[in-house]
Every structure is written in C-alpha cells, then in structure tokens.
Amino acid sequence: MPVCPSSAELRKQVWLGLKEEGRIVDHPVFPGRVGPAARRIEDAADVEDVVELLRLNYDRVVARHGPPAEVGA
C-alpha cells in the first residue's frame, strides 16, 4: 500500500496531546508550528486513526459553529 500523508489544522492543546501520543508529527510545510499536523498512512490501522483525527477536528468545529447548512436550503 502506498504511503500517503494526511494533514489537518488542530487546536494547540489537542495538537500538543496528539503529538505527545505520537499520533501526529509537524506538518512538513510548517515545521515547528503548533496547529498544522501530519500523519503518515501506511496501513488500514493508520487509515482508521486518520479518520478518528478528522472526526475529532470536525466535531470540534461543529460544537463551535453548529452543523453545516444543507445544500440548497
């Protein structure tokens, strides 16, 4: 399976916790910057973890701003 990077923008406290757990690394374009993050995808377990990371970020945004409006509404 090819290796693919995944990236996301995360809040500082969440980012620091995920980095400490080894679930994310510095984003290659923004090394040393808290917020942008990267996660290598090599196997199915990595895919599941990336989906969890994306869900974590999505849930945070929805909690703050509400769910997205429906298309055509």
C-alpha atoms as a PDB file:
ATOM      1  CA  MET A   1       0.000   0.000   0.000  1.00  0.00           C
ATOM      2  CA  PRO A   2       1.422   3.442  -0.849  1.00  0.00           C
ATOM      3  CA  VAL A   3       2.421   5.812   1.918  1.00  0.00           C
ATOM      4  CA  CYS A   4       0.272   8.940   1.937  1.00  0.00           C
ATOM      5  CA  PRO A   5       0.445  11.938   4.254  1.00  0.00           C
ATOM      6  CA  SER A   6      -2.646  13.304   5.940  1.00  0.00           C
ATOM      7  CA  SER A   7      -2.810  16.792   7.366  1.00  0.00           C
ATOM      8  CA  ALA A   8      -5.177  18.869   9.435  1.00  0.00           C
ATOM      9  CA  GLU A   9      -5.286  22.071  11.462  1.00  0.00           C
ATOM     10  CA  LEU A  10      -5.757  21.394  15.169  1.00  0.00           C
ATOM     11  CA  ARG A  11      -6.139  23.474  18.331  1.00  0.00           C
ATOM     12  CA  LYS A  12      -2.994  23.949  20.415  1.00  0.00           C
ATOM     13  CA  GLN A  13      -3.998  21.803  23.413  1.00  0.00           C
ATOM     14  CA  VAL A  14      -5.298  18.998  21.194  1.00  0.00           C
ATOM     15  CA  TRP A  15      -2.250  19.236  18.929  1.00  0.00           C
ATOM     16  CA  LEU A  16       0.173  19.013  21.851  1.00  0.00           C
ATOM     17  CA  GLY A  17      -1.635  15.966  23.264  1.00  0.00           C
ATOM     18  CA  LEU A  18      -1.715  14.165  19.913  1.00  0.00           C
ATOM     19  CA  LYS A  19       1.960  14.948  19.301  1.00  0.00           C
ATOM     20  CA  GLU A  20       2.883  13.632  22.760  1.00  0.00           C
ATOM     21  CA  GLU A  21       0.938  10.431  21.990  1.00  0.00           C
ATOM     22  CA  GLY A  22       2.866  10.067  18.719  1.00  0.00           C
ATOM     23  CA  ARG A  23      -0.300  10.225  16.611  1.00  0.00           C
ATOM     24  CA  ILE A  24       0.816  13.299  14.631  1.00  0.00           C
ATOM     25  CA  VAL A  25       4.051  14.986  13.581  1.00  0.00           C
ATOM     26  CA  ASP A  26       4.924  18.500  12.467  1.00  0.00           C
ATOM     27  CA  HIS A  27       3.417  19.449   9.125  1.00  0.00           C
ATOM     28  CA  PRO A  28       6.236  19.379   6.551  1.00  0.00           C
ATOM     29  CA  VAL A  29       5.332  22.832   5.227  1.00  0.00           C
ATOM     30  CA  PHE A  30       5.112  24.366   8.731  1.00  0.00           C
ATOM     31  CA  PRO A  31       7.730  22.581  10.857  1.00  0.00           C
ATOM     32  CA  GLY A  32       7.739  23.699  14.484  1.00  0.00           C
ATOM     33  CA  ARG A  33       4.330  25.395  14.193  1.00  0.00           C
ATOM     34  CA  VAL A  34       1.591  24.215  16.528  1.00  0.00           C
ATOM     35  CA  GLY A  35      -1.680  23.672  14.635  1.00  0.00           C
ATOM     36  CA  PRO A  36      -0.883  22.176  11.256  1.00  0.00           C
ATOM     37  CA  ALA A  37      -0.197  18.465  11.623  1.00  0.00           C
ATOM     38  CA  ALA A  38       0.666  15.446   9.510  1.00  0.00           C
ATOM     39  CA  ARG A  39       0.074  11.716   9.938  1.00  0.00           C
ATOM     40  CA  ARG A  40       1.679   9.048   7.760  1.00  0.00           C
ATOM     41  CA  ILE A  41      -0.730   6.485   6.289  1.00  0.00           C
ATOM     42  CA  GLU A  42       0.827   3.081   5.666  1.00  0.00           C
ATOM     43  CA  ASP A  43      -1.884   0.536   6.528  1.00  0.00           C
ATOM     44  CA  ALA A  44      -5.544   0.096   7.478  1.00  0.00           C
ATOM     45  CA  ALA A  45      -4.885   0.928  11.151  1.00  0.00           C
ATOM     46  CA  ASP A  46      -3.368   4.249  10.069  1.00  0.00           C
ATOM     47  CA  VAL A  47      -6.437   4.971   7.936  1.00  0.00           C
ATOM     48  CA  GLU A  48      -8.695   4.344  10.940  1.00  0.00           C
ATOM     49  CA  ASP A  49      -6.592   6.678  13.096  1.00  0.00           C
ATOM     50  CA  VAL A  50      -6.650   9.413  10.449  1.00  0.00           C
ATOM     51  CA  VAL A  51     -10.446   9.133  10.226  1.00  0.00           C
ATOM     52  CA  GLU A  52     -10.577   9.496  14.036  1.00  0.00           C
ATOM     53  CA  LEU A  53      -8.368  12.601  13.818  1.00  0.00           C
ATOM     54  CA  LEU A  54     -10.564  14.128  11.116  1.00  0.00           C
ATOM     55  CA  ARG A  55     -13.683  13.327  13.174  1.00  0.00           C
ATOM     56  CA  LEU A  56     -12.097  14.940  16.234  1.00  0.00           C
ATOM     57  CA  ASN A  57     -11.488  18.126  14.276  1.00  0.00           C
ATOM     58  CA  TYR A  58     -14.938  18.028  12.630  1.00  0.00           C
ATOM     59  CA  ASP A  59     -16.694  17.557  15.988  1.00  0.00           C
ATOM     60  CA  ARG A  60     -14.746  20.499  17.422  1.00  0.00           C
ATOM     61  CA  VAL A  61     -15.812  22.777  14.562  1.00  0.00           C
ATOM     62  CA  VAL A  62     -19.468  21.656  14.746  1.00  0.00           C
ATOM     63  CA  ALA A  63     -19.511  22.227  18.526  1.00  0.00           C
ATOM     64  CA  ARG A  64     -18.244  25.754  17.975  1.00  0.00           C
ATOM     65  CA  HIS A  65     -20.140  26.782  14.823  1.00  0.00           C
ATOM     66  CA  GLY A  66     -23.018  24.313  14.504  1.00  0.00           C
ATOM     67  CA  PRO A  67     -23.569  21.749  11.759  1.00  0.00           C
ATOM     68  CA  PRO A  68     -23.100  22.780   8.141  1.00  0.00           C
ATOM     69  CA  ALA A  69     -26.146  24.111   6.332  1.00  0.00           C
ATOM     70  CA  GLU A  70     -27.768  21.683   3.939  1.00  0.00           C
ATOM     71  CA  VAL A  71     -27.020  22.266   0.279  1.00  0.00           C
ATOM     72  CA  GLY A  72     -29.899  24.054  -1.412  1.00  0.00           C
ATOM     73  CA  ALA A  73     -31.517  25.074   1.885  1.00  0.00           C
END
